[in-house]
C-alpha atoms as a PDB file:
ATOM      1  CA  MET A   1     -40.494  11.622  19.908  1.00  0.00           C
ATOM      2  CA  GLY A   2     -41.781   8.853  22.194  1.00  0.00           C
ATOM      3  CA  ASP A   3     -41.891   5.159  21.564  1.00  0.00           C
ATOM      4  CA  LEU A   4     -45.120   3.075  21.438  1.00  0.00           C
ATOM      5  CA  LEU A   5     -45.185  -0.723  21.796  1.00  0.00           C
ATOM      6  CA  ILE A   6     -48.362  -2.412  20.717  1.00  0.00           C
ATOM      7  CA  ARG A   7     -48.762  -6.106  21.637  1.00  0.00           C
ATOM      8  CA  ASP A   8     -50.852  -8.871  20.080  1.00  0.00           C
ATOM      9  CA  VAL A   9     -51.281  -7.224  16.665  1.00  0.00           C
ATOM     10  CA  ASP A  10     -53.137  -9.370  14.266  1.00  0.00           C
ATOM     11  CA  ASP A  11     -50.798 -11.196  11.772  1.00  0.00           C
ATOM     12  CA  GLY A  12     -53.072 -10.181   8.906  1.00  0.00           C
ATOM     13  CA  LEU A  13     -52.728  -6.500   9.809  1.00  0.00           C
ATOM     14  CA  ILE A  14     -48.960  -6.754   9.955  1.00  0.00           C
ATOM     15  CA  ARG A  15     -48.981  -8.509   6.535  1.00  0.00           C
ATOM     16  CA  THR A  16     -51.135  -5.687   5.191  1.00  0.00           C
ATOM     17  CA  LEU A  17     -48.850  -2.978   6.577  1.00  0.00           C
ATOM     18  CA  LYS A  18     -45.774  -4.718   5.224  1.00  0.00           C
ATOM     19  CA  CYS A  19     -47.328  -4.945   1.812  1.00  0.00           C
ATOM     20  CA  LYS A  20     -48.228  -1.299   1.855  1.00  0.00           C
ATOM     21  CA  ALA A  21     -44.672  -0.467   2.872  1.00  0.00           C
ATOM     22  CA  GLU A  22     -43.252  -2.472   0.061  1.00  0.00           C
ATOM     23  CA  VAL A  23     -45.661  -0.995  -2.556  1.00  0.00           C
ATOM     24  CA  ASN A  24     -44.939   2.568  -1.349  1.00  0.00           C
ATOM     25  CA  GLY A  25     -41.297   2.128  -0.813  1.00  0.00           C
ATOM     26  CA  THR A  26     -41.539   2.936   2.853  1.00  0.00           C
ATOM     27  CA  SER A  27     -40.923   1.097   6.150  1.00  0.00           C
ATOM     28  CA  LEU A  28     -43.367  -1.013   8.200  1.00  0.00           C
ATOM     29  CA  GLN A  29     -42.873   1.733  10.911  1.00  0.00           C
ATOM     30  CA  HIS A  30     -43.846   4.536   8.530  1.00  0.00           C
ATOM     31  CA  GLU A  31     -46.992   2.743   7.390  1.00  0.00           C
ATOM     32  CA  ALA A  32     -47.938   1.953  11.003  1.00  0.00           C
ATOM     33  CA  LYS A  33     -47.514   5.541  12.078  1.00  0.00           C
ATOM     34  CA  ASN A  34     -49.670   6.730   9.072  1.00  0.00           C
ATOM     35  CA  ALA A  35     -52.351   4.248   9.928  1.00  0.00           C
ATOM     36  CA  LEU A  36     -52.414   5.407  13.593  1.00  0.00           C
ATOM     37  CA  ARG A  37     -52.406   9.100  12.535  1.00  0.00           C
ATOM     38  CA  LYS A  38     -55.314   8.561  10.134  1.00  0.00           C
ATOM     39  CA  GLY A  39     -57.268   6.345  12.447  1.00  0.00           C
ATOM     40  CA  ALA A  40     -57.029   8.682  15.540  1.00  0.00           C
ATOM     41  CA  PRO A  41     -58.402  12.124  14.542  1.00  0.00           C
ATOM     42  CA  LEU A  42     -59.330  14.458  17.250  1.00  0.00           C
ATOM     43  CA  THR A  43     -63.018  14.906  18.202  1.00  0.00           C
ATOM     44  CA  GLY A  44     -64.431  18.485  18.458  1.00  0.00           C
ATOM     45  CA  GLN A  45     -64.380  18.108  22.242  1.00  0.00           C
ATOM     46  CA  GLU A  46     -60.708  17.120  22.217  1.00  0.00           C
ATOM     47  CA  ARG A  47     -59.816  19.981  19.925  1.00  0.00           C
ATOM     48  CA  GLY A  48     -61.640  22.429  22.248  1.00  0.00           C
ATOM     49  CA  ARG A  49     -59.774  21.044  25.272  1.00  0.00           C
ATOM     50  CA  ILE A  50     -56.443  21.558  23.526  1.00  0.00           C
ATOM     51  CA  LEU A  51     -57.436  25.139  22.639  1.00  0.00           C
ATOM     52  CA  ASP A  52     -58.452  25.803  26.198  1.00  0.00           C
ATOM     53  CA  GLU A  53     -55.093  24.555  27.430  1.00  0.00           C
ATOM     54  CA  LEU A  54     -53.255  26.671  24.866  1.00  0.00           C
ATOM     55  CA  ARG A  55     -55.290  29.727  25.761  1.00  0.00           C
ATOM     56  CA  ASP A  56     -54.409  29.222  29.411  1.00  0.00           C
ATOM     57  CA  GLU A  57     -50.818  28.795  28.648  1.00  0.00           C
ATOM     58  CA  LEU A  58     -50.723  31.994  26.490  1.00  0.00           C
ATOM     59  CA  GLY A  59     -52.873  34.003  28.795  1.00  0.00           C
ATOM     60  CA  GLY A  60     -55.633  34.301  26.263  1.00  0.00           C
ATOM     61  CA  PHE A  61     -55.890  34.834  22.409  1.00  0.00           C
ATOM     62  CA  PRO A  62     -55.442  38.289  20.936  1.00  0.00           C
ATOM     63  CA  LYS A  63     -58.597  39.971  19.742  1.00  0.00           C
ATOM     64  CA  VAL A  64     -58.960  40.654  16.138  1.00  0.00           C
ATOM     65  CA  ALA A  65     -61.054  43.328  14.437  1.00  0.00           C
ATOM     66  CA  THR A  66     -62.278  41.183  11.502  1.00  0.00           C
ATOM     67  CA  SER A  67     -64.273  38.050  12.017  1.00  0.00           C
ATOM     68  CA  GLY A  68     -63.467  34.761  10.350  1.00  0.00           C
ATOM     69  CA  ALA A  69     -66.753  34.989   8.315  1.00  0.00           C
ATOM     70  CA  ASP A  70     -65.856  38.355   7.078  1.00  0.00           C
ATOM     71  CA  LEU A  71     -62.443  37.126   5.915  1.00  0.00           C
ATOM     72  CA  VAL A  72     -64.075  34.189   4.017  1.00  0.00           C
ATOM     73  CA  ARG A  73     -66.711  36.540   2.495  1.00  0.00           C
ATOM     74  CA  GLY A  74     -63.934  38.862   1.286  1.00  0.00           C
ATOM     75  CA  MET A  75     -61.823  35.997  -0.180  1.00  0.00           C
ATOM     76  CA  ARG A  76     -64.878  34.669  -2.006  1.00  0.00           C
ATOM     77  CA  GLU A  77     -65.639  38.240  -3.503  1.00  0.00           C
ATOM     78  CA  GLU A  78     -62.018  38.512  -4.655  1.00  0.00           C
ATOM     79  CA  GLU A  79     -62.282  35.086  -6.484  1.00  0.00           C
ATOM     80  CA  GLY A  80     -65.670  35.865  -7.843  1.00  0.00           C
END
């Protein structure tokens, strides 16, 4: 894993993260990583770009005989 140094972090934010770490029995680093992970979700465009890169790396995705909609429909019928 890589390292990330963030400068000039607001003192209040640091106190909040330290408090969360104490309450949750975790470290400041753990709480900061969780906050970054939750605060930086991928957009649809970013997900699409990642999929395009993966498709290029793999030489395409395999074709399937059943659509996703058909699979979901079948699952709902089984539950129903």
